[in-house]
Amino acid sequence: AEYMGMGSWYVIFTKFTEQSKLHRFAKTAQANFWTAGSVRQAAEALEADSPFRFIAEKGLEGANKHPGLLGNVDFNTWVTMALQRAMGTVQSRLQNGPAVLATVGSTAPFVGLF
C-alpha cells in the first residue's frame, strides 16, 4: 500500500511538472510562431524539446516528402496526415501515467481487507 501511495505521488508530481512545461511551450508558440517569416523559422525559434516544434518539423518533413510518387495524394491531405501523426505521438506521450493512478484508485478500497 505504501508503494502505491509513493507511486501515485510520483505520477502526480511528474504530470504536474510536465503540464507546467507544456503550458510554457504553448505560450511561447502562441506568442512567436505566427509572427515568424516562415514555418521553418518559426519551428527553429521554438525550444528543441518543445512538442510544438516536433509537430511543426513533422509537417515540414511531410511537405518535403510530397513530390514524386506521393504526388498522387493531394498536398494538403498529405501534410494534414503528417501533422495528425505527430499530434498523435505527442498525445500518447502525454497519456503516460494516469493508468497507474487508475489502478491504485481501483484497488485502494480492498487494501484494508487484507
C-alpha atoms as a PDB file:
ATOM      1  CA  ALA A   1       0.000   0.000   0.000  1.00  0.00           C
ATOM      2  CA  GLU A   2       2.878   2.347   0.807  1.00  0.00           C
ATOM      3  CA  TYR A   3       4.410   1.794  -2.636  1.00  0.00           C
ATOM      4  CA  MET A   4       1.101   2.567  -4.308  1.00  0.00           C
ATOM      5  CA  GLY A   5       0.941   5.884  -2.456  1.00  0.00           C
ATOM      6  CA  MET A   6       4.507   6.783  -3.376  1.00  0.00           C
ATOM      7  CA  GLY A   7       3.868   5.764  -6.983  1.00  0.00           C
ATOM      8  CA  SER A   8       0.748   7.918  -7.082  1.00  0.00           C
ATOM      9  CA  TRP A   9       2.586  10.953  -5.752  1.00  0.00           C
ATOM     10  CA  TYR A  10       5.377  10.390  -8.253  1.00  0.00           C
ATOM     11  CA  VAL A  11       2.898  10.320 -11.148  1.00  0.00           C
ATOM     12  CA  ILE A  12       1.043  13.368  -9.816  1.00  0.00           C
ATOM     13  CA  PHE A  13       4.260  15.365  -9.422  1.00  0.00           C
ATOM     14  CA  THR A  14       5.693  14.384 -12.812  1.00  0.00           C
ATOM     15  CA  LYS A  15       2.393  15.091 -14.575  1.00  0.00           C
ATOM     16  CA  PHE A  16       2.154  18.496 -12.891  1.00  0.00           C
ATOM     17  CA  THR A  17       5.721  19.315 -13.946  1.00  0.00           C
ATOM     18  CA  GLU A  18       5.072  18.056 -17.478  1.00  0.00           C
ATOM     19  CA  GLN A  19       1.864  20.085 -17.796  1.00  0.00           C
ATOM     20  CA  SER A  20       3.580  23.238 -16.490  1.00  0.00           C
ATOM     21  CA  LYS A  21       6.347  22.817 -19.060  1.00  0.00           C
ATOM     22  CA  LEU A  22       3.810  22.172 -21.812  1.00  0.00           C
ATOM     23  CA  HIS A  23       1.913  25.329 -20.833  1.00  0.00           C
ATOM     24  CA  ARG A  24       5.146  27.327 -21.078  1.00  0.00           C
ATOM     25  CA  PHE A  25       5.853  25.830 -24.522  1.00  0.00           C
ATOM     26  CA  ALA A  26       2.306  26.694 -25.618  1.00  0.00           C
ATOM     27  CA  LYS A  27       2.649  30.316 -24.503  1.00  0.00           C
ATOM     28  CA  THR A  28       5.942  30.645 -26.380  1.00  0.00           C
ATOM     29  CA  ALA A  29       4.491  29.050 -29.513  1.00  0.00           C
ATOM     30  CA  GLN A  30       1.387  31.245 -29.376  1.00  0.00           C
ATOM     31  CA  ALA A  31       3.439  34.406 -28.973  1.00  0.00           C
ATOM     32  CA  ASN A  32       6.109  33.710 -31.604  1.00  0.00           C
ATOM     33  CA  PHE A  33       5.033  31.084 -34.116  1.00  0.00           C
ATOM     34  CA  TRP A  34       2.523  33.026 -36.199  1.00  0.00           C
ATOM     35  CA  THR A  35       4.670  36.151 -36.464  1.00  0.00           C
ATOM     36  CA  ALA A  36       7.701  34.375 -37.955  1.00  0.00           C
ATOM     37  CA  GLY A  37       8.600  34.833 -41.604  1.00  0.00           C
ATOM     38  CA  SER A  38       8.194  31.154 -42.463  1.00  0.00           C
ATOM     39  CA  VAL A  39       7.201  27.885 -40.835  1.00  0.00           C
ATOM     40  CA  ARG A  40      10.873  26.807 -40.834  1.00  0.00           C
ATOM     41  CA  GLN A  41      11.884  29.994 -38.985  1.00  0.00           C
ATOM     42  CA  ALA A  42       9.008  29.582 -36.572  1.00  0.00           C
ATOM     43  CA  ALA A  43       9.937  25.964 -35.808  1.00  0.00           C
ATOM     44  CA  GLU A  44      13.588  26.842 -35.290  1.00  0.00           C
ATOM     45  CA  ALA A  45      12.624  29.634 -32.893  1.00  0.00           C
ATOM     46  CA  LEU A  46      10.914  27.125 -30.585  1.00  0.00           C
ATOM     47  CA  GLU A  47      12.856  25.211 -27.939  1.00  0.00           C
ATOM     48  CA  ALA A  48      14.391  21.932 -29.117  1.00  0.00           C
ATOM     49  CA  ASP A  49      12.286  19.775 -26.766  1.00  0.00           C
ATOM     50  CA  SER A  50       9.023  21.604 -27.453  1.00  0.00           C
ATOM     51  CA  PRO A  51       6.225  19.339 -28.699  1.00  0.00           C
ATOM     52  CA  PHE A  52       5.087  22.247 -30.880  1.00  0.00           C
ATOM     53  CA  ARG A  53       8.466  22.254 -32.618  1.00  0.00           C
ATOM     54  CA  PHE A  54       8.191  18.479 -33.103  1.00  0.00           C
ATOM     55  CA  ILE A  55       4.779  18.897 -34.752  1.00  0.00           C
ATOM     56  CA  ALA A  56       5.964  21.774 -36.968  1.00  0.00           C
ATOM     57  CA  GLU A  57       9.058  19.845 -38.064  1.00  0.00           C
ATOM     58  CA  LYS A  58       6.975  16.766 -38.917  1.00  0.00           C
ATOM     59  CA  GLY A  59       4.684  18.984 -41.002  1.00  0.00           C
ATOM     60  CA  LEU A  60       7.707  20.375 -42.850  1.00  0.00           C
ATOM     61  CA  GLU A  61       9.067  16.849 -43.385  1.00  0.00           C
ATOM     62  CA  GLY A  62       5.700  15.805 -44.784  1.00  0.00           C
ATOM     63  CA  ALA A  63       5.693  18.782 -47.140  1.00  0.00           C
ATOM     64  CA  ASN A  64       9.207  17.922 -48.341  1.00  0.00           C
ATOM     65  CA  LYS A  65       8.359  14.250 -48.924  1.00  0.00           C
ATOM     66  CA  HIS A  66       5.294  15.001 -51.046  1.00  0.00           C
ATOM     67  CA  PRO A  67       6.878  15.209 -54.542  1.00  0.00           C
ATOM     68  CA  GLY A  68       7.386  12.085 -56.632  1.00  0.00           C
ATOM     69  CA  LEU A  69       5.125   9.073 -56.261  1.00  0.00           C
ATOM     70  CA  LEU A  70       3.395  10.688 -53.325  1.00  0.00           C
ATOM     71  CA  GLY A  71       2.278  13.451 -55.672  1.00  0.00           C
ATOM     72  CA  ASN A  72      -0.816  11.327 -56.356  1.00  0.00           C
ATOM     73  CA  VAL A  73      -2.029  12.274 -52.877  1.00  0.00           C
ATOM     74  CA  ASP A  74      -3.297  15.826 -52.518  1.00  0.00           C
ATOM     75  CA  PHE A  75      -0.604  18.022 -50.898  1.00  0.00           C
ATOM     76  CA  ASN A  76      -2.941  19.376 -48.199  1.00  0.00           C
ATOM     77  CA  THR A  77      -4.117  15.867 -47.330  1.00  0.00           C
ATOM     78  CA  TRP A  78      -0.531  14.597 -47.131  1.00  0.00           C
ATOM     79  CA  VAL A  79       0.643  17.406 -44.824  1.00  0.00           C
ATOM     80  CA  THR A  80      -2.505  17.069 -42.691  1.00  0.00           C
ATOM     81  CA  MET A  81      -1.804  13.358 -42.258  1.00  0.00           C
ATOM     82  CA  ALA A  82       1.799  14.112 -41.229  1.00  0.00           C
ATOM     83  CA  LEU A  83       0.580  16.661 -38.671  1.00  0.00           C
ATOM     84  CA  GLN A  84      -2.039  14.266 -37.316  1.00  0.00           C
ATOM     85  CA  ARG A  85       0.574  11.528 -36.842  1.00  0.00           C
ATOM     86  CA  ALA A  86       2.833  13.974 -34.993  1.00  0.00           C
ATOM     87  CA  MET A  87      -0.018  15.144 -32.754  1.00  0.00           C
ATOM     88  CA  GLY A  88      -0.909  11.520 -32.028  1.00  0.00           C
ATOM     89  CA  THR A  89       2.686  10.875 -30.952  1.00  0.00           C
ATOM     90  CA  VAL A  90       2.637  13.883 -28.623  1.00  0.00           C
ATOM     91  CA  GLN A  91      -0.744  12.876 -27.171  1.00  0.00           C
ATOM     92  CA  SER A  92       0.406   9.324 -26.482  1.00  0.00           C
ATOM     93  CA  ARG A  93       3.473  10.672 -24.643  1.00  0.00           C
ATOM     94  CA  LEU A  94       1.240  12.894 -22.527  1.00  0.00           C
ATOM     95  CA  GLN A  95      -1.007   9.977 -21.547  1.00  0.00           C
ATOM     96  CA  ASN A  96       1.712   8.041 -19.716  1.00  0.00           C
ATOM     97  CA  GLY A  97       0.973   7.726 -16.006  1.00  0.00           C
ATOM     98  CA  PRO A  98      -2.791   8.033 -15.473  1.00  0.00           C
ATOM     99  CA  ALA A  99      -3.178   4.244 -15.822  1.00  0.00           C
ATOM    100  CA  VAL A 100      -1.114   3.882 -12.627  1.00  0.00           C
ATOM    101  CA  LEU A 101      -3.449   6.253 -10.818  1.00  0.00           C
ATOM    102  CA  ALA A 102      -6.499   4.373 -12.103  1.00  0.00           C
ATOM    103  CA  THR A 103      -5.076   1.043 -10.934  1.00  0.00           C
ATOM    104  CA  VAL A 104      -4.239   2.384  -7.493  1.00  0.00           C
ATOM    105  CA  GLY A 105      -7.640   4.017  -7.228  1.00  0.00           C
ATOM    106  CA  SER A 106      -9.471   0.845  -8.174  1.00  0.00           C
ATOM    107  CA  THR A 107      -7.551  -1.347  -5.718  1.00  0.00           C
ATOM    108  CA  ALA A 108      -7.422   1.106  -2.806  1.00  0.00           C
ATOM    109  CA  PRO A 109     -10.807   0.116  -1.309  1.00  0.00           C
ATOM    110  CA  PHE A 110      -9.648  -3.507  -0.998  1.00  0.00           C
ATOM    111  CA  VAL A 111      -6.279  -2.832   0.677  1.00  0.00           C
ATOM    112  CA  GLY A 112      -7.871  -2.621   4.115  1.00  0.00           C
ATOM    113  CA  LEU A 113      -9.479  -6.061   3.744  1.00  0.00           C
ATOM    114  CA  PHE A 114      -6.144  -7.902   3.886  1.00  0.00           C
END
